[in-house]
């Protein structure tokens, strides 16, 4: 294949169109290379967000032939028909061309307090079981590409950003709620403000994750189970009431200093 036809959305949220470009190919070429060729040789004003070109920054997220993917991980050879359509993420407000405003994700992330160590573990090296280490490590592989947020039907089709934090933030919440050294009671926050109940576990978020995090099975479903045990299981409720099961005493969520909930990483 000497050339590939790249169709790219050009425009803003109010008006735009699909523009077509013929781009020469080379072995190992990815979609991001094609976008760069267009910028350098055909359309300098084409807007595209990218950074590392190594599938670790999460910046070059787009929809390629309708599927949310990283452009730097999408090899041209995967599209043998030689025609590729690149459009911006649907779930977030469009800025220009392929650039969307994903700042909502960081505002939500800022609402999640960081790890609050148990009193007897504060200031000391954590001593943890290997299984707990591996569980948290999986969640920390997230590169915040927000492909899972884009494909989540609660956010994408129903625009319920007012009620659901989305898969990425469920992963962050899971990494803290399941951390054996965290001393903050997060269940009410996960249930109410986080809206974990909105997810109906279709696993679409897991399918698009470039880091292969088992978002649904290892993060969202266990969170749902913890919420169900705490709020909806009548047997456990009765056993707690008569004292057979005792709640683990943790620090109340609203006791976290305000400054802890406003610190987040900008990208």
Protein backbone atom coordinates (compact mmCIF):
# COMPACT_ATOMS: atom_id res chain seq x y z
CA UNK A 1 0.00 0.00 0.00
CA UNK A 2 1.79 3.13 -1.24
CA UNK A 3 -0.84 5.61 -0.11
CA UNK A 4 -3.64 5.72 2.40
CA UNK A 5 -6.76 7.86 2.36
CA UNK A 6 -7.20 9.70 5.65
CA UNK A 7 -10.54 11.35 6.34
CA UNK A 8 -10.29 13.80 9.25
CA UNK A 9 -12.92 15.87 11.01
CA UNK A 10 -12.14 19.59 10.61
CA UNK A 11 -14.06 22.22 12.50
CA UNK A 12 -15.52 23.18 15.86
CA UNK A 13 -18.55 22.14 17.88
CA UNK A 14 -20.77 24.51 15.89
CA UNK A 15 -19.68 23.65 12.37
CA UNK A 16 -17.31 21.29 10.63
CA UNK A 17 -16.83 18.70 7.91
CA UNK A 18 -14.84 15.62 7.01
CA UNK A 19 -11.81 16.48 4.86
CA UNK A 20 -10.01 13.86 2.77
CA UNK A 21 -6.24 13.59 2.33
CA UNK A 22 -3.95 11.21 0.43
CA UNK A 23 -0.94 10.30 2.54
CA UNK A 24 2.11 8.25 1.48
CA UNK A 25 2.85 5.29 3.73
CA UNK A 26 5.95 3.58 5.09
CA UNK A 27 6.52 0.34 7.03
CA UNK A 28 5.32 0.56 10.62
CA UNK A 29 3.38 3.76 10.00
CA UNK A 30 0.68 4.62 12.55
CA UNK A 31 -2.33 6.91 12.27
CA UNK A 32 -0.55 9.62 14.24
CA UNK A 33 2.22 9.63 11.61
CA UNK A 34 -0.42 10.27 8.97
CA UNK A 35 -1.87 13.16 10.97
CA UNK A 36 1.62 14.64 11.33
CA UNK A 37 2.18 14.33 7.58
CA UNK A 38 -1.05 16.23 6.95
CA UNK A 39 0.00 18.94 9.39
CA UNK A 40 3.46 19.30 7.88
CA UNK A 41 2.60 19.07 4.20
CA UNK A 42 -1.10 19.60 3.51
CA UNK A 43 -2.96 21.38 6.30
CA UNK A 44 -0.81 23.19 8.90
CA UNK A 45 -3.88 24.36 10.81
CA UNK A 46 -5.05 20.83 11.66
CA UNK A 47 -5.32 20.63 15.47
CA UNK A 48 -4.29 17.43 17.21
CA UNK A 49 -3.18 16.69 20.77
CA UNK A 50 -0.19 14.37 21.25
CA UNK A 51 2.96 14.09 23.30
CA UNK A 52 5.06 10.92 23.64
CA UNK A 53 4.13 8.80 20.57
CA UNK A 54 4.86 5.79 22.78
CA UNK A 55 1.35 4.97 24.09
CA UNK A 56 2.19 6.22 27.58
CA UNK A 57 0.89 9.81 27.75
CA UNK A 58 -2.69 9.11 26.65
CA UNK A 59 -2.86 12.40 24.74
CA UNK A 60 -3.58 11.24 21.18
CA UNK A 61 -6.96 9.65 21.86
CA UNK A 62 -9.40 9.78 18.95
CA UNK A 63 -12.06 7.70 17.24
CA UNK A 64 -10.63 5.73 14.33
CA UNK A 65 -13.29 4.29 12.04
CA UNK A 66 -15.68 4.79 14.92
CA UNK A 67 -13.58 3.02 17.57
CA UNK A 68 -11.92 4.95 20.43
CA UNK A 69 -8.17 4.28 20.16
CA UNK A 70 -4.77 5.84 20.61
CA UNK A 71 -3.56 7.11 17.24
CA UNK A 72 0.03 6.21 18.11
CA UNK A 73 -0.95 2.56 18.65
CA UNK A 74 -3.08 2.22 15.52
CA UNK A 75 -0.96 0.80 12.72
CA UNK A 76 -1.95 1.73 9.19
CA UNK A 77 -1.53 -1.93 8.22
CA UNK A 78 -4.53 -2.77 10.44
CA UNK A 79 -6.74 -1.08 7.84
CA UNK A 80 -6.11 -3.02 4.61
CA UNK A 81 -8.81 -1.20 2.65
CA UNK A 82 -6.60 1.89 2.72
CA UNK A 83 -9.25 4.30 4.00
CA UNK A 84 -9.27 5.58 7.56
CA UNK A 85 -11.64 8.07 9.20
CA UNK A 86 -10.37 9.95 12.25
CA UNK A 87 -12.80 11.92 14.40
CA UNK A 88 -12.58 13.48 17.91
CA UNK A 89 -13.80 11.80 21.08
CA UNK A 90 -17.58 12.07 21.15
CA UNK A 91 -18.11 12.24 24.91
CA UNK A 92 -16.28 15.51 25.57
CA UNK A 93 -16.80 19.07 24.25
CA UNK A 94 -14.99 19.72 20.98
CA UNK A 95 -12.39 22.48 20.91
CA UNK A 96 -11.14 22.20 17.33
CA UNK A 97 -10.61 19.38 14.83
CA UNK A 98 -9.34 16.39 16.87
CA UNK A 99 -8.90 18.27 20.17
CA UNK A 100 -11.53 17.88 22.87
CA UNK A 101 -11.84 19.44 26.31
CA UNK A 102 -11.24 16.63 28.81
CA UNK A 103 -10.81 18.93 31.82
CA UNK A 104 -13.99 17.54 33.41
CA UNK A 105 -12.04 14.38 34.21
CA UNK A 106 -9.49 16.34 36.23
CA UNK A 107 -12.18 18.24 38.10
CA UNK A 108 -13.73 14.92 39.10
CA UNK A 109 -10.35 13.49 40.04
CA UNK A 110 -9.84 16.47 42.37
CA UNK A 111 -12.92 15.38 44.33
CA UNK A 112 -11.28 12.08 45.28
CA UNK A 113 -9.09 12.43 48.40
CA UNK A 114 -5.68 10.75 48.19
CA UNK A 115 -4.55 7.86 50.36
CA UNK A 116 -5.06 8.49 54.07
CA UNK A 117 -2.71 6.06 55.88
CA UNK A 118 -3.84 4.21 58.98
CA UNK A 119 -2.49 5.79 62.18
CA UNK A 120 -0.14 2.88 62.90
CA UNK A 121 1.21 2.94 59.32
CA UNK A 122 1.65 6.68 58.81
CA UNK A 123 5.24 7.69 58.16
CA UNK A 124 6.44 4.10 57.87
CA UNK A 125 7.12 1.77 54.91
CA UNK A 126 3.93 -0.13 54.11
CA UNK A 127 3.99 -3.85 54.83
CA UNK A 128 1.48 -5.44 52.46
CA UNK A 129 0.60 -8.84 51.06
CA UNK A 130 1.84 -9.38 47.50
CA UNK A 131 -1.71 -9.89 46.23
CA UNK A 132 -2.64 -6.41 47.52
CA UNK A 133 0.42 -4.92 45.84
CA UNK A 134 -0.46 -6.51 42.49
CA UNK A 135 -4.06 -5.35 42.72
CA UNK A 136 -3.08 -1.72 43.24
CA UNK A 137 -0.33 -1.92 40.60
CA UNK A 138 -2.84 -2.90 37.94
CA UNK A 139 -4.91 0.19 38.63
CA UNK A 140 -1.83 2.43 38.55
CA UNK A 141 -1.10 1.42 34.96
CA UNK A 142 -3.78 3.91 33.83
CA UNK A 143 -2.37 6.56 31.45
CA UNK A 144 -5.52 8.71 31.56
CA UNK A 145 -6.23 8.48 27.84
CA UNK A 146 -9.95 8.62 28.77
CA UNK A 147 -10.90 6.11 26.08
CA UNK A 148 -12.88 4.26 28.75
CA UNK A 149 -14.70 7.49 29.60
CA UNK A 150 -15.41 8.09 25.91
CA UNK A 151 -16.93 4.67 25.30
CA UNK A 152 -18.95 4.52 28.54
CA UNK A 153 -22.58 4.72 27.47
CA UNK A 154 -23.60 6.49 30.70
CA UNK A 155 -21.37 9.41 29.71
CA UNK A 156 -21.40 9.02 25.92
CA UNK A 157 -25.06 8.40 25.19
CA UNK A 158 -26.80 9.79 28.28
CA UNK A 159 -24.35 12.55 29.28
CA UNK A 160 -24.79 11.75 32.97
CA UNK A 161 -21.60 13.47 34.06
CA UNK A 162 -23.69 14.88 36.88
CA UNK A 163 -24.26 11.42 38.35
CA UNK A 164 -21.38 9.14 37.38
CA UNK A 165 -17.63 9.61 37.69
CA UNK A 166 -16.94 7.18 34.86
CA UNK A 167 -14.68 4.10 34.54
CA UNK A 168 -11.38 5.95 34.90
CA UNK A 169 -12.37 7.41 38.25
CA UNK A 170 -13.82 4.08 39.37
CA UNK A 171 -10.33 2.67 38.82
CA UNK A 172 -8.85 5.45 40.95
CA UNK A 173 -11.45 4.91 43.66
CA UNK A 174 -10.79 1.15 43.59
CA UNK A 175 -7.05 1.71 43.98
CA UNK A 176 -7.79 3.59 47.21
CA UNK A 177 -10.79 1.66 48.56
CA UNK A 178 -8.94 -1.66 48.12
CA UNK A 179 -5.65 -0.39 49.50
CA UNK A 180 -5.08 -2.19 52.83
CA UNK A 181 -3.39 0.86 54.33
CA UNK A 182 -6.09 3.41 53.46
CA UNK A 183 -8.01 4.61 56.50
CA UNK A 184 -10.71 6.68 54.82
CA UNK A 185 -14.30 5.45 54.65
CA UNK A 186 -15.08 5.99 50.96
CA UNK A 187 -18.18 3.82 50.46
CA UNK A 188 -20.78 6.59 50.73
CA UNK A 189 -18.75 8.74 48.32
CA UNK A 190 -18.49 5.87 45.81
CA UNK A 191 -22.22 5.18 46.05
CA UNK A 192 -23.63 8.69 46.09
CA UNK A 193 -21.35 11.15 44.32
CA UNK A 194 -19.36 8.55 42.37
CA UNK A 195 -22.56 6.89 41.15
CA UNK A 196 -21.14 3.39 40.82
CA UNK A 197 -24.68 2.07 40.50
CA UNK A 198 -25.05 3.66 37.06
CA UNK A 199 -22.62 1.15 35.52
CA UNK A 200 -24.35 -1.93 34.09
CA UNK A 201 -21.03 -3.77 33.49
CA UNK A 202 -21.10 -4.07 29.71
CA UNK A 203 -17.26 -4.16 29.78
CA UNK A 204 -16.94 -1.73 26.88
CA UNK A 205 -14.44 0.27 28.95
CA UNK A 206 -12.25 -2.79 29.45
CA UNK A 207 -12.25 -3.52 25.73
CA UNK A 208 -10.75 -0.15 24.76
CA UNK A 209 -8.15 0.16 27.55
CA UNK A 210 -4.69 0.33 25.93
CA UNK A 211 -3.08 -0.80 29.20
CA UNK A 212 -5.35 -3.87 29.39
CA UNK A 213 -6.66 -2.98 32.84
CA UNK A 214 -9.59 -5.21 33.78
CA UNK A 215 -11.69 -2.18 34.66
CA UNK A 216 -15.02 -3.94 35.00
CA UNK A 217 -13.99 -7.21 36.62
CA UNK A 218 -11.28 -5.95 38.97
CA UNK A 219 -12.44 -2.41 39.80
CA UNK A 220 -16.13 -1.69 39.19
CA UNK A 221 -17.68 -5.04 40.12
CA UNK A 222 -15.76 -5.31 43.43
CA UNK A 223 -16.82 -1.75 44.25
CA UNK A 224 -20.44 -2.65 43.50
CA UNK A 225 -20.13 -5.69 45.75
CA UNK A 226 -18.76 -3.61 48.62
CA UNK A 227 -21.60 -1.10 48.24
CA UNK A 228 -24.17 -3.91 48.09
CA UNK A 229 -22.76 -5.51 51.24
CA UNK A 230 -22.80 -2.19 53.08
CA UNK A 231 -26.18 -0.82 52.04
CA UNK A 232 -28.39 -3.51 50.51
CA UNK A 233 -27.58 -6.93 52.03
CA UNK A 234 -30.29 -7.62 54.65
CA UNK A 235 -28.40 -10.54 56.21
CA UNK A 236 -25.21 -8.56 56.76
CA UNK A 237 -27.32 -5.65 58.00
CA UNK A 238 -28.93 -7.90 60.63
CA UNK A 239 -25.59 -9.42 61.65
CA UNK A 240 -24.13 -5.94 62.10
CA UNK A 241 -27.14 -4.87 64.14
CA UNK A 242 -26.79 -7.74 66.60
CA UNK A 243 -23.03 -7.35 66.74
CA UNK A 244 -21.86 -10.53 65.00
CA UNK A 245 -20.27 -8.50 62.19
CA UNK A 246 -18.48 -5.33 63.18
CA UNK A 247 -17.65 -2.53 60.77
CA UNK A 248 -14.02 -1.65 60.32
CA UNK A 249 -13.60 1.76 61.89
CA UNK A 250 -12.20 4.21 59.37
CA UNK A 251 -11.81 7.95 59.24
CA UNK A 252 -15.03 9.70 58.09
CA UNK A 253 -14.91 10.99 54.53
CA UNK A 254 -15.94 14.53 55.47
CA UNK A 255 -13.06 14.80 57.95
CA UNK A 256 -10.45 15.08 55.17
CA UNK A 257 -8.98 18.62 54.99
CA UNK A 258 -10.29 20.59 52.02
CA UNK A 259 -6.83 21.10 50.52
CA UNK A 260 -6.47 17.34 50.04
CA UNK A 261 -9.44 17.25 47.72
CA UNK A 262 -8.24 20.05 45.48
CA UNK A 263 -4.84 18.68 44.49
CA UNK A 264 -4.76 17.04 41.06
CA UNK A 265 -2.31 16.53 38.25
CA UNK A 266 -2.66 18.73 35.19
CA UNK A 267 -1.86 17.32 31.77
